[in-house]
């Protein structure tokens, strides 16, 4: 029986690009035929070799990182390309490849300008860490309540927890082991992908009863807010910080504020994705079974209700504050309060 890989076209191309660039990079580096900055990103030379902002993501430095990148593209690319389409998936990959590498290069140049540390200007930036972080953010949007079983049931982790675990691991290793480039790329890949999916990516309205192709811009759902990527304990301060930045960007006309209708449509869209039975994370060709689909839909509804309750509570507190202020400071022009007793009758002259 002939073995056949059932891969979407763009995912197949990206896997070939990954293997090809990584092999060429290792051959060139080990034989000294040319400098590593020909495919990897070195801030000192990047402006003279603009193609490295793309190739650096696929130039893995050893066999282990190459295998991790290949598995990420094989499963993640296959899932996302089928959940969206090849054009949207290609646009997403291009953004989370170029933007993190460009910003990382600028950060290291800035660090060199401040500290005059030559190592910062000659740091080699490479690897698919930003792409891996971006894929996890996309999974958080599409299947946040999907449970992944690890080591035959030894550990079960929901997809919505993967981005924070990934960021924590890269941040910890960055400070402890000195892998600062992975730390920077992980955070930049996370922020780039979340910003694009939250505010800019267009998607079909799954909750619309219309048979037409109704398109929505961004994802205003409560469960895809920035604070919901982190544990419940730290969500309130993170939400306050993120709201402050968001309000500042809206005031500067950088972001368009979400309306109440946008939030409601986003919540309905998230519920529709759960009830619609998107392909399984590890088996994209199949739909989730009825039991798992119902459980995930119920978890989505519970999260949406929790977020709605928090918003209603915050709105109630805001409405009560002006009333309490007005009660504590009555208008002096209105005179003394009435005691309920009739005033004495005055004598007419």
C-alpha atoms as a PDB file:
ATOM      1  CA  UNK A   1       0.000   0.000   0.000  1.00  0.00           C
ATOM      2  CA  UNK A   2       1.396   3.378  -1.013  1.00  0.00           C
ATOM      3  CA  UNK A   3       2.145   5.836   1.807  1.00  0.00           C
ATOM      4  CA  UNK A   4       0.600   9.244   1.239  1.00  0.00           C
ATOM      5  CA  UNK A   5       0.796  12.409   3.301  1.00  0.00           C
ATOM      6  CA  UNK A   6      -2.557  14.141   3.425  1.00  0.00           C
ATOM      7  CA  UNK A   7      -1.289  17.715   3.723  1.00  0.00           C
ATOM      8  CA  UNK A   8      -2.751  20.980   2.415  1.00  0.00           C
ATOM      9  CA  UNK A   9      -0.612  22.600  -0.300  1.00  0.00           C
ATOM     10  CA  UNK A  10       0.851  25.529   1.638  1.00  0.00           C
ATOM     11  CA  UNK A  11       1.719  23.383   4.660  1.00  0.00           C
ATOM     12  CA  UNK A  12       3.557  20.995   2.353  1.00  0.00           C
ATOM     13  CA  UNK A  13       5.492  23.890   0.799  1.00  0.00           C
ATOM     14  CA  UNK A  14       6.424  25.298   4.216  1.00  0.00           C
ATOM     15  CA  UNK A  15       7.745  21.910   5.350  1.00  0.00           C
ATOM     16  CA  UNK A  16       9.917  21.692   2.231  1.00  0.00           C
ATOM     17  CA  UNK A  17      11.161  25.252   2.815  1.00  0.00           C
ATOM     18  CA  UNK A  18      11.942  24.451   6.456  1.00  0.00           C
ATOM     19  CA  UNK A  19      13.949  21.329   5.649  1.00  0.00           C
ATOM     20  CA  UNK A  20      15.684  22.926   2.671  1.00  0.00           C
ATOM     21  CA  UNK A  21      16.785  26.131   4.407  1.00  0.00           C
ATOM     22  CA  UNK A  22      17.854  24.310   7.587  1.00  0.00           C
ATOM     23  CA  UNK A  23      19.972  21.783   5.672  1.00  0.00           C
ATOM     24  CA  UNK A  24      21.606  24.467   3.522  1.00  0.00           C
ATOM     25  CA  UNK A  25      22.284  26.579   6.613  1.00  0.00           C
ATOM     26  CA  UNK A  26      24.012  23.695   8.428  1.00  0.00           C
ATOM     27  CA  UNK A  27      26.081  22.728   5.376  1.00  0.00           C
ATOM     28  CA  UNK A  28      27.195  26.308   4.826  1.00  0.00           C
ATOM     29  CA  UNK A  29      27.936  26.883   8.507  1.00  0.00           C
ATOM     30  CA  UNK A  30      29.916  23.668   9.032  1.00  0.00           C
ATOM     31  CA  UNK A  31      31.988  23.992   5.854  1.00  0.00           C
ATOM     32  CA  UNK A  32      32.590  27.719   6.224  1.00  0.00           C
ATOM     33  CA  UNK A  33      31.615  28.429   2.619  1.00  0.00           C
ATOM     34  CA  UNK A  34      29.971  31.707   3.603  1.00  0.00           C
ATOM     35  CA  UNK A  35      28.920  33.507   6.754  1.00  0.00           C
ATOM     36  CA  UNK A  36      25.819  32.296   8.690  1.00  0.00           C
ATOM     37  CA  UNK A  37      24.207  35.713   8.200  1.00  0.00           C
ATOM     38  CA  UNK A  38      23.351  34.707   4.649  1.00  0.00           C
ATOM     39  CA  UNK A  39      20.256  32.822   5.923  1.00  0.00           C
ATOM     40  CA  UNK A  40      20.087  33.669   9.639  1.00  0.00           C
ATOM     41  CA  UNK A  41      19.325  37.160  10.906  1.00  0.00           C
ATOM     42  CA  UNK A  42      22.252  39.177  12.276  1.00  0.00           C
ATOM     43  CA  UNK A  43      21.135  42.714  13.196  1.00  0.00           C
ATOM     44  CA  UNK A  44      24.405  44.263  11.978  1.00  0.00           C
ATOM     45  CA  UNK A  45      23.844  42.978   8.432  1.00  0.00           C
ATOM     46  CA  UNK A  46      20.082  42.526   8.193  1.00  0.00           C
ATOM     47  CA  UNK A  47      19.322  45.750   6.300  1.00  0.00           C
ATOM     48  CA  UNK A  48      21.707  44.704   3.528  1.00  0.00           C
ATOM     49  CA  UNK A  49      20.142  41.204   3.338  1.00  0.00           C
ATOM     50  CA  UNK A  50      16.377  41.781   3.705  1.00  0.00           C
ATOM     51  CA  UNK A  51      15.460  38.190   2.771  1.00  0.00           C
ATOM     52  CA  UNK A  52      16.801  36.996   6.142  1.00  0.00           C
ATOM     53  CA  UNK A  53      13.713  38.417   7.878  1.00  0.00           C
ATOM     54  CA  UNK A  54      11.898  35.459   6.284  1.00  0.00           C
ATOM     55  CA  UNK A  55      14.563  32.770   6.010  1.00  0.00           C
ATOM     56  CA  UNK A  56      15.745  33.147   9.617  1.00  0.00           C
ATOM     57  CA  UNK A  57      12.507  31.573  10.871  1.00  0.00           C
ATOM     58  CA  UNK A  58      13.237  28.386   8.902  1.00  0.00           C
ATOM     59  CA  UNK A  59      16.998  28.202   9.578  1.00  0.00           C
ATOM     60  CA  UNK A  60      17.042  25.847  12.559  1.00  0.00           C
ATOM     61  CA  UNK A  61      20.371  25.447  14.328  1.00  0.00           C
ATOM     62  CA  UNK A  62      20.233  21.743  15.304  1.00  0.00           C
ATOM     63  CA  UNK A  63      18.320  18.536  14.693  1.00  0.00           C
ATOM     64  CA  UNK A  64      16.115  18.809  17.799  1.00  0.00           C
ATOM     65  CA  UNK A  65      14.800  22.282  16.974  1.00  0.00           C
ATOM     66  CA  UNK A  66      14.300  21.154  13.370  1.00  0.00           C
ATOM     67  CA  UNK A  67      12.142  18.221  14.506  1.00  0.00           C
ATOM     68  CA  UNK A  68      10.102  20.497  16.809  1.00  0.00           C
ATOM     69  CA  UNK A  69       9.566  22.989  13.969  1.00  0.00           C
ATOM     70  CA  UNK A  70       8.604  20.216  11.543  1.00  0.00           C
ATOM     71  CA  UNK A  71       6.041  18.766  13.990  1.00  0.00           C
ATOM     72  CA  UNK A  72       4.651  22.261  14.592  1.00  0.00           C
ATOM     73  CA  UNK A  73       4.173  22.846  10.868  1.00  0.00           C
ATOM     74  CA  UNK A  74       2.885  19.343  10.186  1.00  0.00           C
ATOM     75  CA  UNK A  75       0.090  19.374  12.769  1.00  0.00           C
ATOM     76  CA  UNK A  76      -0.414  23.088  13.282  1.00  0.00           C
ATOM     77  CA  UNK A  77      -0.199  24.049   9.638  1.00  0.00           C
ATOM     78  CA  UNK A  78      -2.481  21.212   8.573  1.00  0.00           C
ATOM     79  CA  UNK A  79      -5.080  22.255  11.128  1.00  0.00           C
ATOM     80  CA  UNK A  80      -5.000  26.011  10.573  1.00  0.00           C
ATOM     81  CA  UNK A  81      -4.906  25.848   6.781  1.00  0.00           C
ATOM     82  CA  UNK A  82      -8.051  23.696   6.809  1.00  0.00           C
ATOM     83  CA  UNK A  83      -9.783  25.757   9.503  1.00  0.00           C
ATOM     84  CA  UNK A  84      -9.170  28.973   7.517  1.00  0.00           C
ATOM     85  CA  UNK A  85      -7.918  28.611   3.925  1.00  0.00           C
ATOM     86  CA  UNK A  86      -4.557  28.689   2.176  1.00  0.00           C
ATOM     87  CA  UNK A  87      -4.684  32.434   1.521  1.00  0.00           C
ATOM     88  CA  UNK A  88      -5.527  33.426   5.109  1.00  0.00           C
ATOM     89  CA  UNK A  89      -3.069  30.905   6.495  1.00  0.00           C
ATOM     90  CA  UNK A  90      -0.313  32.210   4.220  1.00  0.00           C
ATOM     91  CA  UNK A  91      -1.013  35.792   5.267  1.00  0.00           C
ATOM     92  CA  UNK A  92      -0.880  34.758   8.927  1.00  0.00           C
ATOM     93  CA  UNK A  93       2.438  32.912   8.523  1.00  0.00           C
ATOM     94  CA  UNK A  94       3.962  35.838   6.642  1.00  0.00           C
ATOM     95  CA  UNK A  95       2.974  38.329   9.357  1.00  0.00           C
ATOM     96  CA  UNK A  96       4.167  36.246  12.317  1.00  0.00           C
ATOM     97  CA  UNK A  97       7.406  35.500  10.469  1.00  0.00           C
ATOM     98  CA  UNK A  98       8.427  38.962   9.278  1.00  0.00           C
ATOM     99  CA  UNK A  99       7.170  41.261  12.060  1.00  0.00           C
ATOM    100  CA  UNK A 100       8.774  39.461  15.062  1.00  0.00           C
ATOM    101  CA  UNK A 101      12.112  39.147  13.241  1.00  0.00           C
ATOM    102  CA  UNK A 102      12.040  42.806  12.222  1.00  0.00           C
ATOM    103  CA  UNK A 103      11.180  44.059  15.735  1.00  0.00           C
ATOM    104  CA  UNK A 104      13.717  41.703  17.339  1.00  0.00           C
ATOM    105  CA  UNK A 105      16.427  43.038  15.040  1.00  0.00           C
ATOM    106  CA  UNK A 106      15.538  46.621  15.966  1.00  0.00           C
ATOM    107  CA  UNK A 107      15.542  45.766  19.681  1.00  0.00           C
ATOM    108  CA  UNK A 108      19.055  44.319  19.509  1.00  0.00           C
ATOM    109  CA  UNK A 109      20.299  47.323  17.515  1.00  0.00           C
ATOM    110  CA  UNK A 110      18.756  49.616  20.127  1.00  0.00           C
ATOM    111  CA  UNK A 111      20.358  47.607  22.930  1.00  0.00           C
ATOM    112  CA  UNK A 112      23.721  47.942  21.175  1.00  0.00           C
ATOM    113  CA  UNK A 113      23.217  51.718  20.835  1.00  0.00           C
ATOM    114  CA  UNK A 114      22.484  52.007  24.570  1.00  0.00           C
ATOM    115  CA  UNK A 115      25.095  49.636  25.998  1.00  0.00           C
ATOM    116  CA  UNK A 116      27.706  49.578  23.214  1.00  0.00           C
ATOM    117  CA  UNK A 117      27.797  45.808  23.629  1.00  0.00           C
ATOM    118  CA  UNK A 118      29.085  44.334  20.363  1.00  0.00           C
ATOM    119  CA  UNK A 119      27.445  40.987  21.128  1.00  0.00           C
ATOM    120  CA  UNK A 120      24.009  42.573  20.730  1.00  0.00           C
ATOM    121  CA  UNK A 121      24.735  43.742  17.191  1.00  0.00           C
ATOM    122  CA  UNK A 122      26.180  40.354  16.211  1.00  0.00           C
ATOM    123  CA  UNK A 123      23.510  38.177  17.873  1.00  0.00           C
ATOM    124  CA  UNK A 124      22.201  35.447  15.578  1.00  0.00           C
ATOM    125  CA  UNK A 125      18.404  35.467  15.457  1.00  0.00           C
ATOM    126  CA  UNK A 126      16.908  32.309  13.991  1.00  0.00           C
ATOM    127  CA  UNK A 127      14.359  29.567  14.573  1.00  0.00           C
ATOM    128  CA  UNK A 128      10.613  29.059  14.499  1.00  0.00           C
ATOM    129  CA  UNK A 129       9.875  30.106  18.111  1.00  0.00           C
ATOM    130  CA  UNK A 130       7.728  33.062  17.004  1.00  0.00           C
ATOM    131  CA  UNK A 131       5.796  30.800  14.622  1.00  0.00           C
ATOM    132  CA  UNK A 132       5.185  28.262  17.380  1.00  0.00           C
ATOM    133  CA  UNK A 133       3.855  30.961  19.723  1.00  0.00           C
ATOM    134  CA  UNK A 134       1.585  32.279  16.958  1.00  0.00           C
ATOM    135  CA  UNK A 135       0.137  28.826  16.281  1.00  0.00           C
ATOM    136  CA  UNK A 136      -0.681  28.397  19.974  1.00  0.00           C
ATOM    137  CA  UNK A 137      -2.532  31.730  19.991  1.00  0.00           C
ATOM    138  CA  UNK A 138      -4.535  30.625  16.954  1.00  0.00           C
ATOM    139  CA  UNK A 139      -5.424  27.342  18.685  1.00  0.00           C
ATOM    140  CA  UNK A 140      -6.513  29.338  21.735  1.00  0.00           C
ATOM    141  CA  UNK A 141      -8.942  31.229  19.515  1.00  0.00           C
ATOM    142  CA  UNK A 142     -10.328  28.218  17.642  1.00  0.00           C
ATOM    143  CA  UNK A 143     -10.373  25.392  20.211  1.00  0.00           C
ATOM    144  CA  UNK A 144      -9.628  26.875  23.659  1.00  0.00           C
ATOM    145  CA  UNK A 145     -11.456  24.156  25.618  1.00  0.00           C
ATOM    146  CA  UNK A 146     -10.028  21.227  23.677  1.00  0.00           C
ATOM    147  CA  UNK A 147      -8.075  18.915  26.001  1.00  0.00           C
ATOM    148  CA  UNK A 148      -4.767  17.415  24.873  1.00  0.00           C
ATOM    149  CA  UNK A 149      -3.742  14.184  26.589  1.00  0.00           C
ATOM    150  CA  UNK A 150      -0.008  13.739  27.129  1.00  0.00           C
ATOM    151  CA  UNK A 151       1.838  10.488  27.886  1.00  0.00           C
ATOM    152  CA  UNK A 152      -1.268   8.279  27.665  1.00  0.00           C
ATOM    153  CA  UNK A 153      -3.307  10.188  30.198  1.00  0.00           C
ATOM    154  CA  UNK A 154      -0.546  11.123  32.647  1.00  0.00           C
ATOM    155  CA  UNK A 155      -1.254  14.802  32.001  1.00  0.00           C
ATOM    156  CA  UNK A 156      -4.214  16.581  30.435  1.00  0.00           C
ATOM    157  CA  UNK A 157      -3.888  20.211  29.389  1.00  0.00           C
ATOM    158  CA  UNK A 158      -6.462  22.443  27.768  1.00  0.00           C
ATOM    159  CA  UNK A 159      -5.350  24.287  24.660  1.00  0.00           C
ATOM    160  CA  UNK A 160      -6.114  27.683  26.199  1.00  0.00           C
ATOM    161  CA  UNK A 161      -3.255  27.164  28.704  1.00  0.00           C
ATOM    162  CA  UNK A 162      -0.579  26.413  26.080  1.00  0.00           C
ATOM    163  CA  UNK A 163       0.365  30.038  25.199  1.00  0.00           C
ATOM    164  CA  UNK A 164       1.048  31.043  28.817  1.00  0.00           C
ATOM    165  CA  UNK A 165       3.003  27.816  29.477  1.00  0.00           C
ATOM    166  CA  UNK A 166       5.045  28.380  26.322  1.00  0.00           C
ATOM    167  CA  UNK A 167       5.825  31.987  27.258  1.00  0.00           C
ATOM    168  CA  UNK A 168       6.720  31.064  30.833  1.00  0.00           C
ATOM    169  CA  UNK A 169       9.078  28.302  29.661  1.00  0.00           C
ATOM    170  CA  UNK A 170      10.885  30.560  27.172  1.00  0.00           C
ATOM    171  CA  UNK A 171      11.077  33.436  29.665  1.00  0.00           C
ATOM    172  CA  UNK A 172      12.464  31.144  32.375  1.00  0.00           C
ATOM    173  CA  UNK A 173      15.044  29.593  30.027  1.00  0.00           C
ATOM    174  CA  UNK A 174      15.931  33.014  28.639  1.00  0.00           C
ATOM    175  CA  UNK A 175      16.994  34.333  32.041  1.00  0.00           C
ATOM    176  CA  UNK A 176      18.383  31.073  33.394  1.00  0.00           C
ATOM    177  CA  UNK A 177      20.110  29.612  30.332  1.00  0.00           C
ATOM    178  CA  UNK A 178      20.781  32.774  28.359  1.00  0.00           C
ATOM    179  CA  UNK A 179      18.492  31.933  25.425  1.00  0.00           C
ATOM    180  CA  UNK A 180      17.410  35.544  25.120  1.00  0.00           C
ATOM    181  CA  UNK A 181      16.603  35.350  21.404  1.00  0.00           C
ATOM    182  CA  UNK A 182      14.007  32.624  22.047  1.00  0.00           C
ATOM    183  CA  UNK A 183      12.532  34.747  24.847  1.00  0.00           C
ATOM    184  CA  UNK A 184      12.213  37.805  22.582  1.00  0.00           C
ATOM    185  CA  UNK A 185      10.825  35.849  19.627  1.00  0.00           C
ATOM    186  CA  UNK A 186       8.282  34.001  21.786  1.00  0.00           C
ATOM    187  CA  UNK A 187       6.798  37.229  23.156  1.00  0.00           C
ATOM    188  CA  UNK A 188       6.866  39.008  19.800  1.00  0.00           C
ATOM    189  CA  UNK A 189       5.214  36.049  18.059  1.00  0.00           C
ATOM    190  CA  UNK A 190       2.542  35.950  20.759  1.00  0.00           C
ATOM    191  CA  UNK A 191       1.805  39.691  20.622  1.00  0.00           C
ATOM    192  CA  UNK A 192       1.873  39.877  16.814  1.00  0.00           C
ATOM    193  CA  UNK A 193      -0.511  36.958  16.319  1.00  0.00           C
ATOM    194  CA  UNK A 194      -2.915  38.057  19.065  1.00  0.00           C
ATOM    195  CA  UNK A 195      -3.056  41.629  17.736  1.00  0.00           C
ATOM    196  CA  UNK A 196      -3.754  40.415  14.200  1.00  0.00           C
ATOM    197  CA  UNK A 197      -6.404  37.881  15.214  1.00  0.00           C
ATOM    198  CA  UNK A 198      -8.020  40.215  17.755  1.00  0.00           C
ATOM    199  CA  UNK A 199      -8.323  43.349  15.627  1.00  0.00           C
ATOM    200  CA  UNK A 200      -7.623  42.717  11.943  1.00  0.00           C
ATOM    201  CA  UNK A 201      -8.229  39.200  10.611  1.00  0.00           C
ATOM    202  CA  UNK A 202     -11.523  38.809   8.762  1.00  0.00           C
ATOM    203  CA  UNK A 203     -13.584  35.665   9.265  1.00  0.00           C
ATOM    204  CA  UNK A 204     -16.908  34.220   8.246  1.00  0.00           C
ATOM    205  CA  UNK A 205     -19.773  34.821  10.685  1.00  0.00           C
ATOM    206  CA  UNK A 206     -20.633  31.273  11.777  1.00  0.00           C
ATOM    207  CA  UNK A 207     -23.530  32.473  13.946  1.00  0.00           C
ATOM    208  CA  UNK A 208     -25.337  34.300  11.143  1.00  0.00           C
ATOM    209  CA  UNK A 209     -28.504  32.602   9.826  1.00  0.00           C
ATOM    210  CA  UNK A 210     -27.877  34.176   6.431  1.00  0.00           C
ATOM    211  CA  UNK A 211     -26.619  31.919   3.678  1.00  0.00           C
ATOM    212  CA  UNK A 212     -24.389  34.710   2.375  1.00  0.00           C
ATOM    213  CA  UNK A 213     -20.742  35.074   3.220  1.00  0.00           C
ATOM    214  CA  UNK A 214     -21.043  37.507   6.139  1.00  0.00           C
ATOM    215  CA  UNK A 215     -17.577  38.684   7.187  1.00  0.00           C
ATOM    216  CA  UNK A 216     -16.446  39.892  10.600  1.00  0.00           C
ATOM    217  CA  UNK A 217     -13.287  41.847  11.341  1.00  0.00           C
ATOM    218  CA  UNK A 218     -11.294  40.715  14.358  1.00  0.00           C
ATOM    219  CA  UNK A 219     -12.475  38.724  17.351  1.00  0.00           C
ATOM    220  CA  UNK A 220     -14.104  40.827  20.084  1.00  0.00           C
ATOM    221  CA  UNK A 221     -15.180  37.845  22.182  1.00  0.00           C
ATOM    222  CA  UNK A 222     -14.611  38.093  25.923  1.00  0.00           C
ATOM    223  CA  UNK A 223     -12.756  34.779  26.058  1.00  0.00           C
ATOM    224  CA  UNK A 224     -10.134  35.998  23.543  1.00  0.00           C
ATOM    225  CA  UNK A 225      -9.314  39.131  25.534  1.00  0.00           C
ATOM    226  CA  UNK A 226      -5.678  39.547  26.548  1.00  0.00           C
ATOM    227  CA  UNK A 227      -6.344  38.849  30.232  1.00  0.00           C
ATOM    228  CA  UNK A 228      -7.877  35.433  29.478  1.00  0.00           C
ATOM    229  CA  UNK A 229      -4.514  34.036  28.380  1.00  0.00           C
ATOM    230  CA  UNK A 230      -3.356  34.003  32.003  1.00  0.00           C
ATOM    231  CA  UNK A 231      -4.411  32.228  35.231  1.00  0.00           C
ATOM    232  CA  UNK A 232      -7.555  33.490  36.982  1.00  0.00           C
ATOM    233  CA  UNK A 233      -5.565  34.875  39.922  1.00  0.00           C
ATOM    234  CA  UNK A 234      -3.681  37.442  37.847  1.00  0.00           C
ATOM    235  CA  UNK A 235      -6.430  38.278  35.358  1.00  0.00           C
ATOM    236  CA  UNK A 236      -7.803  41.409  37.167  1.00  0.00           C
ATOM    237  CA  UNK A 237      -4.509  43.376  37.242  1.00  0.00           C
ATOM    238  CA  UNK A 238      -3.602  42.251  33.722  1.00  0.00           C
ATOM    239  CA  UNK A 239      -7.058  43.274  32.485  1.00  0.00           C
ATOM    240  CA  UNK A 240      -6.683  46.722  34.085  1.00  0.00           C
ATOM    241  CA  UNK A 241      -3.243  47.168  32.503  1.00  0.00           C
ATOM    242  CA  UNK A 242      -4.393  45.949  29.079  1.00  0.00           C
ATOM    243  CA  UNK A 243      -7.519  48.142  29.191  1.00  0.00           C
ATOM    244  CA  UNK A 244      -5.359  51.169  29.949  1.00  0.00           C
ATOM    245  CA  UNK A 245      -3.155  50.534  26.919  1.00  0.00           C
ATOM    246  CA  UNK A 246      -6.201  49.811  24.756  1.00  0.00           C
ATOM    247  CA  UNK A 247      -7.939  53.039  25.798  1.00  0.00           C
ATOM    248  CA  UNK A 248      -4.766  55.011  25.076  1.00  0.00           C
ATOM    249  CA  UNK A 249      -4.513  53.477  21.593  1.00  0.00           C
ATOM    250  CA  UNK A 250      -8.181  54.238  20.949  1.00  0.00           C
ATOM    251  CA  UNK A 251      -7.634  57.855  22.051  1.00  0.00           C
ATOM    252  CA  UNK A 252      -4.707  58.065  19.608  1.00  0.00           C
ATOM    253  CA  UNK A 253      -6.938  56.586  16.864  1.00  0.00           C
ATOM    254  CA  UNK A 254      -4.599  53.608  16.468  1.00  0.00           C
ATOM    255  CA  UNK A 255      -7.355  51.101  17.327  1.00  0.00           C
ATOM    256  CA  UNK A 256     -11.067  51.198  16.597  1.00  0.00           C
ATOM    257  CA  UNK A 257     -13.050  50.520  19.781  1.00  0.00           C
ATOM    258  CA  UNK A 258     -15.294  47.465  19.894  1.00  0.00           C
ATOM    259  CA  UNK A 259     -18.986  48.181  20.250  1.00  0.00           C
ATOM    260  CA  UNK A 260     -21.358  46.167  22.425  1.00  0.00           C
ATOM    261  CA  UNK A 261     -22.663  44.541  19.241  1.00  0.00           C
ATOM    262  CA  UNK A 262     -19.096  43.561  18.249  1.00  0.00           C
ATOM    263  CA  UNK A 263     -18.561  41.861  21.613  1.00  0.00           C
ATOM    264  CA  UNK A 264     -21.890  40.060  21.378  1.00  0.00           C
ATOM    265  CA  UNK A 265     -21.131  38.894  17.832  1.00  0.00           C
ATOM    266  CA  UNK A 266     -17.684  37.718  18.948  1.00  0.00           C
ATOM    267  CA  UNK A 267     -19.167  35.707  21.813  1.00  0.00           C
ATOM    268  CA  UNK A 268     -21.722  34.151  19.469  1.00  0.00           C
ATOM    269  CA  UNK A 269     -18.930  33.363  17.024  1.00  0.00           C
ATOM    270  CA  UNK A 270     -16.919  31.601  19.737  1.00  0.00           C
ATOM    271  CA  UNK A 271     -19.964  29.574  20.777  1.00  0.00           C
ATOM    272  CA  UNK A 272     -20.709  28.684  17.151  1.00  0.00           C
ATOM    273  CA  UNK A 273     -17.167  27.384  16.670  1.00  0.00           C
ATOM    274  CA  UNK A 274     -17.618  25.083  19.669  1.00  0.00           C
ATOM    275  CA  UNK A 275     -21.035  23.854  18.602  1.00  0.00           C
ATOM    276  CA  UNK A 276     -20.042  23.528  14.947  1.00  0.00           C
ATOM    277  CA  UNK A 277     -17.452  20.869  15.655  1.00  0.00           C
ATOM    278  CA  UNK A 278     -14.215  22.160  14.187  1.00  0.00           C
ATOM    279  CA  UNK A 279     -11.757  19.383  13.290  1.00  0.00           C
ATOM    280  CA  UNK A 280      -9.895  17.744  16.120  1.00  0.00           C
ATOM    281  CA  UNK A 281      -6.523  19.280  16.909  1.00  0.00           C
ATOM    282  CA  UNK A 282      -4.487  16.140  16.260  1.00  0.00           C
ATOM    283  CA  UNK A 283      -6.854  14.641  13.664  1.00  0.00           C
ATOM    284  CA  UNK A 284      -7.901  17.544  11.418  1.00  0.00           C
ATOM    285  CA  UNK A 285      -9.675  15.284   8.932  1.00  0.00           C
ATOM    286  CA  UNK A 286     -12.241  14.203  11.509  1.00  0.00           C
ATOM    287  CA  UNK A 287     -14.893  16.073  13.462  1.00  0.00           C
ATOM    288  CA  UNK A 288     -15.108  15.884  17.206  1.00  0.00           C
ATOM    289  CA  UNK A 289     -17.567  13.434  18.618  1.00  0.00           C
ATOM    290  CA  UNK A 290     -20.888  14.502  20.071  1.00  0.00           C
ATOM    291  CA  UNK A 291     -19.871  14.074  23.711  1.00  0.00           C
ATOM    292  CA  UNK A 292     -16.618  16.024  23.446  1.00  0.00           C
ATOM    293  CA  UNK A 293     -18.285  18.683  21.337  1.00  0.00           C
ATOM    294  CA  UNK A 294     -21.078  19.175  23.854  1.00  0.00           C
ATOM    295  CA  UNK A 295     -18.609  19.375  26.749  1.00  0.00           C
ATOM    296  CA  UNK A 296     -16.529  21.985  24.945  1.00  0.00           C
ATOM    297  CA  UNK A 297     -19.636  23.990  24.046  1.00  0.00           C
ATOM    298  CA  UNK A 298     -20.741  23.939  27.682  1.00  0.00           C
ATOM    299  CA  UNK A 299     -17.310  25.136  28.821  1.00  0.00           C
ATOM    300  CA  UNK A 300     -17.441  27.930  26.255  1.00  0.00           C
ATOM    301  CA  UNK A 301     -20.895  28.983  27.475  1.00  0.00           C
ATOM    302  CA  UNK A 302     -19.711  28.955  31.082  1.00  0.00           C
ATOM    303  CA  UNK A 303     -16.733  31.168  30.226  1.00  0.00           C
ATOM    304  CA  UNK A 304     -18.931  33.537  28.217  1.00  0.00           C
ATOM    305  CA  UNK A 305     -21.432  33.786  31.083  1.00  0.00           C
ATOM    306  CA  UNK A 306     -18.612  34.436  33.547  1.00  0.00           C
ATOM    307  CA  UNK A 307     -17.222  37.226  31.378  1.00  0.00           C
ATOM    308  CA  UNK A 308     -20.701  38.708  30.909  1.00  0.00           C
ATOM    309  CA  UNK A 309     -21.310  38.641  34.662  1.00  0.00           C
ATOM    310  CA  UNK A 310     -18.017  40.449  35.283  1.00  0.00           C
ATOM    311  CA  UNK A 311     -18.868  43.147  32.729  1.00  0.00           C
ATOM    312  CA  UNK A 312     -22.357  43.636  34.203  1.00  0.00           C
ATOM    313  CA  UNK A 313     -20.928  43.859  37.724  1.00  0.00           C
ATOM    314  CA  UNK A 314     -18.380  46.469  36.600  1.00  0.00           C
ATOM    315  CA  UNK A 315     -21.104  48.490  34.861  1.00  0.00           C
ATOM    316  CA  UNK A 316     -23.304  48.345  37.985  1.00  0.00           C
ATOM    317  CA  UNK A 317     -20.462  49.593  40.179  1.00  0.00           C
ATOM    318  CA  UNK A 318     -19.798  52.464  37.784  1.00  0.00           C
ATOM    319  CA  UNK A 319     -23.473  53.484  37.830  1.00  0.00           C
ATOM    320  CA  UNK A 320     -23.656  53.339  41.624  1.00  0.00           C
ATOM    321  CA  UNK A 321     -20.626  55.569  42.166  1.00  0.00           C
ATOM    322  CA  UNK A 322     -22.212  58.798  40.794  1.00  0.00           C
ATOM    323  CA  UNK A 323     -25.402  58.122  42.798  1.00  0.00           C
ATOM    324  CA  UNK A 324     -23.433  57.666  46.016  1.00  0.00           C
ATOM    325  CA  UNK A 325     -21.478  60.859  45.302  1.00  0.00           C
ATOM    326  CA  UNK A 326     -24.662  62.836  44.712  1.00  0.00           C
ATOM    327  CA  UNK A 327     -26.207  61.524  47.964  1.00  0.00           C
ATOM    328  CA  UNK A 328     -23.144  62.469  49.970  1.00  0.00           C
ATOM    329  CA  UNK A 329     -23.018  65.993  48.469  1.00  0.00           C
ATOM    330  CA  UNK A 330     -26.569  67.459  48.226  1.00  0.00           C
ATOM    331  CA  UNK A 331     -27.097  70.704  46.342  1.00  0.00           C
ATOM    332  CA  UNK A 332     -27.062  73.581  48.871  1.00  0.00           C
ATOM    333  CA  UNK A 333     -29.293  75.723  46.655  1.00  0.00           C
ATOM    334  CA  UNK A 334     -32.216  73.422  47.345  1.00  0.00           C
ATOM    335  CA  UNK A 335     -32.401  74.528  51.019  1.00  0.00           C
ATOM    336  CA  UNK A 336     -32.676  72.374  54.124  1.00  0.00           C
ATOM    337  CA  UNK A 337     -34.361  69.020  53.829  1.00  0.00           C
ATOM    338  CA  UNK A 338     -38.029  68.775  54.677  1.00  0.00           C
ATOM    339  CA  UNK A 339     -38.977  67.305  58.047  1.00  0.00           C
ATOM    340  CA  UNK A 340     -42.429  66.295  56.923  1.00  0.00           C
ATOM    341  CA  UNK A 341     -44.161  68.768  59.353  1.00  0.00           C
ATOM    342  CA  UNK A 342     -46.316  71.684  58.088  1.00  0.00           C
ATOM    343  CA  UNK A 343     -44.742  75.124  58.216  1.00  0.00           C
ATOM    344  CA  UNK A 344     -46.330  77.686  60.593  1.00  0.00           C
ATOM    345  CA  UNK A 345     -48.843  79.997  58.971  1.00  0.00           C
ATOM    346  CA  UNK A 346     -47.649  83.583  58.603  1.00  0.00           C
ATOM    347  CA  UNK A 347     -49.724  86.541  59.810  1.00  0.00           C
ATOM    348  CA  UNK A 348     -51.078  88.820  57.144  1.00  0.00           C
ATOM    349  CA  UNK A 349     -50.794  92.582  57.633  1.00  0.00           C
END
